[in-house]
PDB file of all heavy atoms in Angstrom:
ATOM      1  N   ARG A   1      23.198  85.832 149.382  1.00  0.00           N
ATOM      2  CA  ARG A   1      24.061  84.779 149.935  1.00  0.00           C
ATOM      3  C   ARG A   1      24.017  84.839 151.464  1.00  0.00           C
ATOM      4  O   ARG A   1      23.854  85.910 152.042  1.00  0.00           O
ATOM      5  CB  ARG A   1      25.507  84.970 149.482  1.00  0.00           C
ATOM      6  CG  ARG A   1      25.733  84.743 148.023  1.00  0.00           C
ATOM      7  CD  ARG A   1      27.218  84.871 147.679  1.00  0.00           C
ATOM      8  NE  ARG A   1      27.443  84.647 146.268  1.00  0.00           N
ATOM      9  CZ  ARG A   1      27.651  85.609 145.378  1.00  0.00           C
ATOM     10  NH1 ARG A   1      27.688  86.870 145.744  1.00  0.00           N
ATOM     11  NH2 ARG A   1      27.837  85.297 144.114  1.00  0.00           N
ATOM     12  N   GLY A   2      24.245  83.696 152.072  1.00  0.00           N
ATOM     13  CA  GLY A   2      24.277  83.665 153.522  1.00  0.00           C
ATOM     14  C   GLY A   2      24.713  82.317 154.051  1.00  0.00           C
ATOM     15  O   GLY A   2      25.307  81.515 153.338  1.00  0.00           O
ATOM     16  N   TYR A   3      24.390  82.096 155.327  1.00  0.00           N
ATOM     17  CA  TYR A   3      24.705  80.824 155.966  1.00  0.00           C
ATOM     18  C   TYR A   3      23.515  80.379 156.799  1.00  0.00           C
ATOM     19  O   TYR A   3      22.661  81.190 157.172  1.00  0.00           O
ATOM     20  CB  TYR A   3      25.962  80.928 156.841  1.00  0.00           C
ATOM     21  CG  TYR A   3      25.793  81.790 158.059  1.00  0.00           C
ATOM     22  CD1 TYR A   3      25.289  81.266 159.248  1.00  0.00           C
ATOM     23  CD2 TYR A   3      26.135  83.142 158.039  1.00  0.00           C
ATOM     24  CE1 TYR A   3      25.127  82.061 160.375  1.00  0.00           C
ATOM     25  CE2 TYR A   3      25.978  83.938 159.153  1.00  0.00           C
ATOM     26  CZ  TYR A   3      25.471  83.396 160.318  1.00  0.00           C
ATOM     27  OH  TYR A   3      25.296  84.182 161.429  1.00  0.00           O
ATOM     28  N   ALA A   4      23.472  79.093 157.084  1.00  0.00           N
ATOM     29  CA  ALA A   4      22.443  78.528 157.956  1.00  0.00           C
ATOM     30  C   ALA A   4      23.109  77.493 158.855  1.00  0.00           C
ATOM     31  O   ALA A   4      24.147  76.916 158.501  1.00  0.00           O
ATOM     32  CB  ALA A   4      21.338  77.891 157.132  1.00  0.00           C
ATOM     33  N   TRP A   5      22.499  77.259 159.990  1.00  0.00           N
ATOM     34  CA  TRP A   5      23.067  76.329 160.961  1.00  0.00           C
ATOM     35  C   TRP A   5      21.961  75.890 161.905  1.00  0.00           C
ATOM     36  O   TRP A   5      21.005  76.642 162.158  1.00  0.00           O
ATOM     37  CB  TRP A   5      24.179  77.030 161.737  1.00  0.00           C
ATOM     38  CG  TRP A   5      24.847  76.186 162.765  1.00  0.00           C
ATOM     39  CD1 TRP A   5      25.826  75.252 162.547  1.00  0.00           C
ATOM     40  CD2 TRP A   5      24.597  76.170 164.166  1.00  0.00           C
ATOM     41  NE1 TRP A   5      26.204  74.674 163.734  1.00  0.00           N
ATOM     42  CE2 TRP A   5      25.456  75.219 164.741  1.00  0.00           C
ATOM     43  CE3 TRP A   5      23.723  76.865 164.989  1.00  0.00           C
ATOM     44  CZ2 TRP A   5      25.460  74.945 166.101  1.00  0.00           C
ATOM     45  CZ3 TRP A   5      23.726  76.596 166.351  1.00  0.00           C
ATOM     46  CH2 TRP A   5      24.597  75.646 166.895  1.00  0.00           C
ATOM     47  N   SER A   6      22.085  74.692 162.447  1.00  0.00           N
ATOM     48  CA  SER A   6      21.145  74.225 163.456  1.00  0.00           C
ATOM     49  C   SER A   6      21.910  73.474 164.530  1.00  0.00           C
ATOM     50  O   SER A   6      22.960  72.888 164.264  1.00  0.00           O
ATOM     51  CB  SER A   6      20.094  73.310 162.825  1.00  0.00           C
ATOM     52  OG  SER A   6      19.053  73.054 163.753  1.00  0.00           O
ATOM     53  N   GLY A   7      21.388  73.483 165.719  1.00  0.00           N
ATOM     54  CA  GLY A   7      22.032  72.799 166.836  1.00  0.00           C
ATOM     55  C   GLY A   7      21.772  71.307 166.828  1.00  0.00           C
ATOM     56  O   GLY A   7      21.026  70.782 166.000  1.00  0.00           O
ATOM     57  N   GLY A   8      22.408  70.624 167.736  1.00  0.00           N
ATOM     58  CA  GLY A   8      22.205  69.191 167.899  1.00  0.00           C
ATOM     59  C   GLY A   8      22.730  68.350 166.755  1.00  0.00           C
ATOM     60  O   GLY A   8      22.353  67.191 166.628  1.00  0.00           O
ATOM     61  N   GLY A   9      23.570  68.934 165.903  1.00  0.00           N
ATOM     62  CA  GLY A   9      24.119  68.191 164.775  1.00  0.00           C
ATOM     63  C   GLY A   9      23.163  68.046 163.612  1.00  0.00           C
ATOM     64  O   GLY A   9      23.433  67.315 162.667  1.00  0.00           O
ATOM     65  N   ASN A  10      22.011  68.751 163.661  1.00  0.00           N
ATOM     66  CA  ASN A  10      21.034  68.680 162.577  1.00  0.00           C
ATOM     67  C   ASN A  10      21.540  69.422 161.355  1.00  0.00           C
ATOM     68  O   ASN A  10      21.932  70.583 161.443  1.00  0.00           O
ATOM     69  CB  ASN A  10      19.696  69.290 162.997  1.00  0.00           C
ATOM     70  CG  ASN A  10      18.906  68.385 163.901  1.00  0.00           C
ATOM     71  OD1 ASN A  10      18.857  67.180 163.687  1.00  0.00           O
ATOM     72  ND2 ASN A  10      18.296  68.960 164.912  1.00  0.00           N
ATOM     73  N   GLY A  11      21.498  68.770 160.208  1.00  0.00           N
ATOM     74  CA  GLY A  11      21.901  69.406 158.962  1.00  0.00           C
ATOM     75  C   GLY A  11      20.804  70.300 158.405  1.00  0.00           C
ATOM     76  O   GLY A  11      19.625  70.151 158.737  1.00  0.00           O
ATOM     77  N   ILE A  12      21.194  71.222 157.558  1.00  0.00           N
ATOM     78  CA  ILE A  12      20.241  72.110 156.883  1.00  0.00           C
ATOM     79  C   ILE A  12      19.780  71.414 155.612  1.00  0.00           C
ATOM     80  O   ILE A  12      20.599  70.967 154.804  1.00  0.00           O
ATOM     81  CB  ILE A  12      20.909  73.463 156.557  1.00  0.00           C
ATOM     82  CG1 ILE A  12      21.370  74.160 157.841  1.00  0.00           C
ATOM     83  CG2 ILE A  12      19.972  74.350 155.737  1.00  0.00           C
ATOM     84  CD1 ILE A  12      20.269  74.484 158.830  1.00  0.00           C
ATOM     85  N   ILE A  13      18.464  71.320 155.422  1.00  0.00           N
ATOM     86  CA  ILE A  13      17.938  70.691 154.212  1.00  0.00           C
ATOM     87  C   ILE A  13      17.382  71.708 153.216  1.00  0.00           C
ATOM     88  O   ILE A  13      17.198  71.380 152.052  1.00  0.00           O
ATOM     89  CB  ILE A  13      16.861  69.630 154.526  1.00  0.00           C
ATOM     90  CG1 ILE A  13      15.655  70.255 155.232  1.00  0.00           C
ATOM     91  CG2 ILE A  13      17.466  68.492 155.333  1.00  0.00           C
ATOM     92  CD1 ILE A  13      14.439  69.344 155.314  1.00  0.00           C
ATOM     93  N   ARG A  14      17.118  72.947 153.692  1.00  0.00           N
ATOM     94  CA  ARG A  14      16.524  73.930 152.794  1.00  0.00           C
ATOM     95  C   ARG A  14      16.697  75.332 153.345  1.00  0.00           C
ATOM     96  O   ARG A  14      16.630  75.542 154.558  1.00  0.00           O
ATOM     97  CB  ARG A  14      15.033  73.626 152.644  1.00  0.00           C
ATOM     98  CG  ARG A  14      14.347  74.408 151.573  1.00  0.00           C
ATOM     99  CD  ARG A  14      12.892  74.020 151.402  1.00  0.00           C
ATOM    100  NE  ARG A  14      12.077  74.630 152.450  1.00  0.00           N
ATOM    101  CZ  ARG A  14      11.288  73.967 153.295  1.00  0.00           C
ATOM    102  NH1 ARG A  14      11.219  72.659 153.248  1.00  0.00           N
ATOM    103  NH2 ARG A  14      10.589  74.605 154.197  1.00  0.00           N
ATOM    104  N   VAL A  15      16.931  76.287 152.448  1.00  0.00           N
ATOM    105  CA  VAL A  15      16.858  77.704 152.784  1.00  0.00           C
ATOM    106  C   VAL A  15      15.941  78.346 151.747  1.00  0.00           C
ATOM    107  O   VAL A  15      16.111  78.141 150.544  1.00  0.00           O
ATOM    108  CB  VAL A  15      18.238  78.390 152.777  1.00  0.00           C
ATOM    109  CG1 VAL A  15      18.096  79.896 152.974  1.00  0.00           C
ATOM    110  CG2 VAL A  15      19.128  77.798 153.870  1.00  0.00           C
ATOM    111  N   ASP A  16      14.952  79.076 152.225  1.00  0.00           N
ATOM    112  CA  ASP A  16      14.006  79.780 151.369  1.00  0.00           C
ATOM    113  C   ASP A  16      14.275  81.271 151.475  1.00  0.00           C
ATOM    114  O   ASP A  16      14.544  81.786 152.573  1.00  0.00           O
ATOM    115  CB  ASP A  16      12.571  79.493 151.804  1.00  0.00           C
ATOM    116  CG  ASP A  16      12.241  78.004 151.760  1.00  0.00           C
ATOM    117  OD1 ASP A  16      12.390  77.415 150.679  1.00  0.00           O
ATOM    118  OD2 ASP A  16      11.847  77.451 152.799  1.00  0.00           O
ATOM    119  N   VAL A  17      14.186  81.971 150.345  1.00  0.00           N
ATOM    120  CA  VAL A  17      14.447  83.407 150.292  1.00  0.00           C
ATOM    121  C   VAL A  17      13.239  84.097 149.674  1.00  0.00           C
ATOM    122  O   VAL A  17      12.655  83.592 148.705  1.00  0.00           O
ATOM    123  CB  VAL A  17      15.721  83.706 149.463  1.00  0.00           C
ATOM    124  CG1 VAL A  17      16.032  85.194 149.466  1.00  0.00           C
ATOM    125  CG2 VAL A  17      16.912  82.913 149.994  1.00  0.00           C
ATOM    126  N   SER A  18      12.864  85.232 150.231  1.00  0.00           N
ATOM    127  CA  SER A  18      11.703  85.981 149.755  1.00  0.00           C
ATOM    128  C   SER A  18      12.072  87.430 149.471  1.00  0.00           C
ATOM    129  O   SER A  18      12.831  88.041 150.224  1.00  0.00           O
ATOM    130  CB  SER A  18      10.585  85.939 150.807  1.00  0.00           C
ATOM    131  OG  SER A  18       9.487  86.730 150.402  1.00  0.00           O
ATOM    132  N   LEU A  19      11.501  87.967 148.398  1.00  0.00           N
ATOM    133  CA  LEU A  19      11.666  89.387 148.066  1.00  0.00           C
ATOM    134  C   LEU A  19      10.401  90.179 148.363  1.00  0.00           C
ATOM    135  O   LEU A  19      10.344  91.372 148.081  1.00  0.00           O
ATOM    136  CB  LEU A  19      12.038  89.543 146.581  1.00  0.00           C
ATOM    137  CG  LEU A  19      13.326  88.871 146.116  1.00  0.00           C
ATOM    138  CD1 LEU A  19      13.549  89.124 144.625  1.00  0.00           C
ATOM    139  CD2 LEU A  19      14.518  89.365 146.923  1.00  0.00           C
ATOM    140  N   ASP A  20       9.374  89.526 148.912  1.00  0.00           N
ATOM    141  CA  ASP A  20       8.112  90.216 149.180  1.00  0.00           C
ATOM    142  C   ASP A  20       7.625  89.980 150.612  1.00  0.00           C
ATOM    143  O   ASP A  20       6.452  89.776 150.866  1.00  0.00           O
ATOM    144  CB  ASP A  20       7.052  89.832 148.155  1.00  0.00           C
ATOM    145  CG  ASP A  20       6.773  88.330 148.108  1.00  0.00           C
ATOM    146  OD1 ASP A  20       7.260  87.584 149.005  1.00  0.00           O
ATOM    147  OD2 ASP A  20       6.072  87.890 147.185  1.00  0.00           O
ATOM    148  N   GLU A  21       8.568  90.001 151.538  1.00  0.00           N
ATOM    149  CA  GLU A  21       8.291  89.882 152.971  1.00  0.00           C
ATOM    150  C   GLU A  21       7.591  88.578 153.347  1.00  0.00           C
ATOM    151  O   GLU A  21       6.787  88.530 154.266  1.00  0.00           O
ATOM    152  CB  GLU A  21       7.517  91.099 153.468  1.00  0.00           C
ATOM    153  CG  GLU A  21       8.312  92.379 153.244  1.00  0.00           C
ATOM    154  CD  GLU A  21       7.701  93.604 153.866  1.00  0.00           C
ATOM    155  OE1 GLU A  21       7.232  93.513 155.014  1.00  0.00           O
ATOM    156  OE2 GLU A  21       7.705  94.649 153.197  1.00  0.00           O
ATOM    157  N   GLY A  22       7.893  87.506 152.606  1.00  0.00           N
ATOM    158  CA  GLY A  22       7.396  86.190 152.960  1.00  0.00           C
ATOM    159  C   GLY A  22       6.093  85.778 152.302  1.00  0.00           C
ATOM    160  O   GLY A  22       5.553  84.722 152.626  1.00  0.00           O
ATOM    161  N   LYS A  23       5.591  86.562 151.370  1.00  0.00           N
ATOM    162  CA  LYS A  23       4.375  86.147 150.662  1.00  0.00           C
ATOM    163  C   LYS A  23       4.683  84.999 149.704  1.00  0.00           C
ATOM    164  O   LYS A  23       3.889  84.071 149.552  1.00  0.00           O
ATOM    165  CB  LYS A  23       3.766  87.329 149.910  1.00  0.00           C
ATOM    166  CG  LYS A  23       3.231  88.427 150.820  1.00  0.00           C
ATOM    167  CD  LYS A  23       2.672  89.578 149.995  1.00  0.00           C
ATOM    168  CE  LYS A  23       2.337  90.759 150.867  1.00  0.00           C
ATOM    169  NZ  LYS A  23       3.502  91.562 151.221  1.00  0.00           N
ATOM    170  N   THR A  24       5.825  85.072 149.033  1.00  0.00           N
ATOM    171  CA  THR A  24       6.276  83.996 148.144  1.00  0.00           C
ATOM    172  C   THR A  24       7.738  83.707 148.451  1.00  0.00           C
ATOM    173  O   THR A  24       8.465  84.572 148.945  1.00  0.00           O
ATOM    174  CB  THR A  24       6.132  84.376 146.652  1.00  0.00           C
ATOM    175  OG1 THR A  24       6.958  85.510 146.375  1.00  0.00           O
ATOM    176  CG2 THR A  24       4.681  84.682 146.298  1.00  0.00           C
ATOM    177  N   TRP A  25       8.161  82.488 148.143  1.00  0.00           N
ATOM    178  CA  TRP A  25       9.513  82.046 148.476  1.00  0.00           C
ATOM    179  C   TRP A  25      10.168  81.404 147.266  1.00  0.00           C
ATOM    180  O   TRP A  25       9.495  80.826 146.417  1.00  0.00           O
ATOM    181  CB  TRP A  25       9.470  81.017 149.604  1.00  0.00           C
ATOM    182  CG  TRP A  25       8.950  81.587 150.876  1.00  0.00           C
ATOM    183  CD1 TRP A  25       7.648  81.553 151.321  1.00  0.00           C
ATOM    184  CD2 TRP A  25       9.685  82.291 151.866  1.00  0.00           C
ATOM    185  NE1 TRP A  25       7.555  82.186 152.526  1.00  0.00           N
ATOM    186  CE2 TRP A  25       8.792  82.658 152.889  1.00  0.00           C
ATOM    187  CE3 TRP A  25      11.022  82.649 151.998  1.00  0.00           C
ATOM    188  CZ2 TRP A  25       9.180  83.353 154.021  1.00  0.00           C
ATOM    189  CZ3 TRP A  25      11.412  83.349 153.124  1.00  0.00           C
ATOM    190  CH2 TRP A  25      10.502  83.689 154.121  1.00  0.00           C
ATOM    191  N   GLN A  26      11.492  81.497 147.240  1.00  0.00           N
ATOM    192  CA  GLN A  26      12.286  80.810 146.231  1.00  0.00           C
ATOM    193  C   GLN A  26      13.386  80.040 146.955  1.00  0.00           C
ATOM    194  O   GLN A  26      13.912  80.493 147.972  1.00  0.00           O
ATOM    195  CB  GLN A  26      12.863  81.818 145.238  1.00  0.00           C
ATOM    196  CG  GLN A  26      11.737  82.531 144.471  1.00  0.00           C
ATOM    197  CD  GLN A  26      12.251  83.486 143.446  1.00  0.00           C
ATOM    198  OE1 GLN A  26      13.038  83.103 142.595  1.00  0.00           O
ATOM    199  NE2 GLN A  26      11.801  84.718 143.506  1.00  0.00           N
ATOM    200  N   LEU A  27      13.711  78.896 146.403  1.00  0.00           N
ATOM    201  CA  LEU A  27      14.672  77.998 147.020  1.00  0.00           C
ATOM    202  C   LEU A  27      16.101  78.442 146.726  1.00  0.00           C
ATOM    203  O   LEU A  27      16.441  78.740 145.586  1.00  0.00           O
ATOM    204  CB  LEU A  27      14.448  76.586 146.455  1.00  0.00           C
ATOM    205  CG  LEU A  27      14.980  75.408 147.223  1.00  0.00           C
ATOM    206  CD1 LEU A  27      14.425  75.362 148.636  1.00  0.00           C
ATOM    207  CD2 LEU A  27      14.618  74.125 146.485  1.00  0.00           C
ATOM    208  N   ALA A  28      16.929  78.492 147.753  1.00  0.00           N
ATOM    209  CA  ALA A  28      18.353  78.806 147.586  1.00  0.00           C
ATOM    210  C   ALA A  28      19.116  77.511 147.307  1.00  0.00           C
ATOM    211  O   ALA A  28      18.694  76.422 147.697  1.00  0.00           O
ATOM    212  CB  ALA A  28      18.900  79.468 148.849  1.00  0.00           C
ATOM    213  N   GLU A  29      20.247  77.660 146.657  1.00  0.00           N
ATOM    214  CA  GLU A  29      21.138  76.522 146.426  1.00  0.00           C
ATOM    215  C   GLU A  29      22.034  76.372 147.650  1.00  0.00           C
ATOM    216  O   GLU A  29      22.686  77.333 148.079  1.00  0.00           O
ATOM    217  CB  GLU A  29      21.994  76.767 145.180  1.00  0.00           C
ATOM    218  CG  GLU A  29      22.982  75.669 144.911  1.00  0.00           C
ATOM    219  CD  GLU A  29      23.934  75.997 143.762  1.00  0.00           C
ATOM    220  OE1 GLU A  29      23.747  77.011 143.071  1.00  0.00           O
ATOM    221  OE2 GLU A  29      24.900  75.222 143.587  1.00  0.00           O
ATOM    222  N   LEU A  30      22.077  75.170 148.196  1.00  0.00           N
ATOM    223  CA  LEU A  30      22.923  74.904 149.367  1.00  0.00           C
ATOM    224  C   LEU A  30      24.325  74.552 148.908  1.00  0.00           C
ATOM    225  O   LEU A  30      24.504  73.776 147.975  1.00  0.00           O
ATOM    226  CB  LEU A  30      22.344  73.764 150.207  1.00  0.00           C
ATOM    227  CG  LEU A  30      20.927  73.970 150.740  1.00  0.00           C
ATOM    228  CD1 LEU A  30      20.509  72.767 151.574  1.00  0.00           C
ATOM    229  CD2 LEU A  30      20.802  75.261 151.530  1.00  0.00           C
ATOM    230  N   LYS A  31      25.312  75.118 149.587  1.00  0.00           N
ATOM    231  CA  LYS A  31      26.725  74.838 149.300  1.00  0.00           C
ATOM    232  C   LYS A  31      27.270  74.073 150.499  1.00  0.00           C
ATOM    233  O   LYS A  31      27.967  74.619 151.334  1.00  0.00           O
ATOM    234  CB  LYS A  31      27.502  76.152 149.114  1.00  0.00           C
ATOM    235  CG  LYS A  31      26.848  77.159 148.215  1.00  0.00           C
ATOM    236  CD  LYS A  31      27.189  76.883 146.793  1.00  0.00           C
ATOM    237  CE  LYS A  31      26.657  78.017 145.924  1.00  0.00           C
ATOM    238  NZ  LYS A  31      27.095  77.919 144.582  1.00  0.00           N
ATOM    239  N   ARG A  32      26.887  72.810 150.595  1.00  0.00           N
ATOM    240  CA  ARG A  32      27.189  72.009 151.784  1.00  0.00           C
ATOM    241  C   ARG A  32      28.576  71.393 151.763  1.00  0.00           C
ATOM    242  O   ARG A  32      29.053  70.976 150.717  1.00  0.00           O
ATOM    243  CB  ARG A  32      26.227  70.856 151.899  1.00  0.00           C
ATOM    244  CG  ARG A  32      24.841  71.219 152.188  1.00  0.00           C
ATOM    245  CD  ARG A  32      24.091  69.947 152.457  1.00  0.00           C
ATOM    246  NE  ARG A  32      22.987  69.831 151.527  1.00  0.00           N
ATOM    247  CZ  ARG A  32      21.806  69.434 151.876  1.00  0.00           C
ATOM    248  NH1 ARG A  32      21.547  69.101 153.110  1.00  0.00           N
ATOM    249  NH2 ARG A  32      20.851  69.345 150.995  1.00  0.00           N
ATOM    250  N   MET A  33      29.126  71.288 152.956  1.00  0.00           N
ATOM    251  CA  MET A  33      30.324  70.460 153.171  1.00  0.00           C
ATOM    252  C   MET A  33      29.822  69.056 153.487  1.00  0.00           C
ATOM    253  O   MET A  33      28.768  68.903 154.104  1.00  0.00           O
ATOM    254  CB  MET A  33      31.124  70.985 154.354  1.00  0.00           C
ATOM    255  CG  MET A  33      31.736  72.343 154.131  1.00  0.00           C
ATOM    256  SD  MET A  33      32.660  72.888 155.586  1.00  0.00           S
ATOM    257  CE  MET A  33      33.848  71.578 155.752  1.00  0.00           C
ATOM    258  N   PRO A  34      30.562  68.022 153.087  1.00  0.00           N
ATOM    259  CA  PRO A  34      30.129  66.667 153.448  1.00  0.00           C
ATOM    260  C   PRO A  34      30.153  66.495 154.979  1.00  0.00           C
ATOM    261  O   PRO A  34      31.163  66.781 155.611  1.00  0.00           O
ATOM    262  CB  PRO A  34      31.167  65.758 152.785  1.00  0.00           C
ATOM    263  CG  PRO A  34      31.991  66.619 151.899  1.00  0.00           C
ATOM    264  CD  PRO A  34      31.776  68.041 152.293  1.00  0.00           C
ATOM    265  N   GLN A  35      29.032  66.095 155.521  1.00  0.00           N
ATOM    266  CA  GLN A  35      28.926  65.854 156.959  1.00  0.00           C
ATOM    267  C   GLN A  35      28.019  64.648 157.175  1.00  0.00           C
ATOM    268  O   GLN A  35      27.066  64.447 156.434  1.00  0.00           O
ATOM    269  CB  GLN A  35      28.326  67.067 157.675  1.00  0.00           C
ATOM    270  CG  GLN A  35      29.164  68.338 157.520  1.00  0.00           C
ATOM    271  CD  GLN A  35      28.530  69.490 158.262  1.00  0.00           C
ATOM    272  OE1 GLN A  35      28.671  69.600 159.462  1.00  0.00           O
ATOM    273  NE2 GLN A  35      27.830  70.352 157.538  1.00  0.00           N
ATOM    274  N   LYS A  36      28.296  63.890 158.199  1.00  0.00           N
ATOM    275  CA  LYS A  36      27.484  62.716 158.507  1.00  0.00           C
ATOM    276  C   LYS A  36      26.159  63.146 159.126  1.00  0.00           C
ATOM    277  O   LYS A  36      26.123  64.116 159.900  1.00  0.00           O
ATOM    278  CB  LYS A  36      28.231  61.802 159.474  1.00  0.00           C
ATOM    279  CG  LYS A  36      29.477  61.195 158.879  1.00  0.00           C
ATOM    280  CD  LYS A  36      30.194  60.326 159.898  1.00  0.00           C
ATOM    281  CE  LYS A  36      31.458  59.762 159.281  1.00  0.00           C
ATOM    282  NZ  LYS A  36      32.249  59.007 160.242  1.00  0.00           N
ATOM    283  N   PRO A  37      25.078  62.441 158.826  1.00  0.00           N
ATOM    284  CA  PRO A  37      23.784  62.763 159.440  1.00  0.00           C
ATOM    285  C   PRO A  37      23.894  62.786 160.967  1.00  0.00           C
ATOM    286  O   PRO A  37      24.526  61.916 161.562  1.00  0.00           O
ATOM    287  CB  PRO A  37      22.866  61.625 158.960  1.00  0.00           C
ATOM    288  CG  PRO A  37      23.506  61.146 157.692  1.00  0.00           C
ATOM    289  CD  PRO A  37      24.991  61.323 157.890  1.00  0.00           C
ATOM    290  N   GLY A  38      23.288  63.776 161.574  1.00  0.00           N
ATOM    291  CA  GLY A  38      23.336  63.918 163.032  1.00  0.00           C
ATOM    292  C   GLY A  38      24.648  64.471 163.551  1.00  0.00           C
ATOM    293  O   GLY A  38      24.817  64.641 164.753  1.00  0.00           O
TER     294      GLY A  38
END
């Protein structure tokens, strides 16, 4: 579990998690609050 954030009002569209130092990735489920684009 964790958090993600970006500046400039950009929303997070994806978080990828790896158990093998980035050789393969799995998609995390986003738990977003409703926010307007930008």
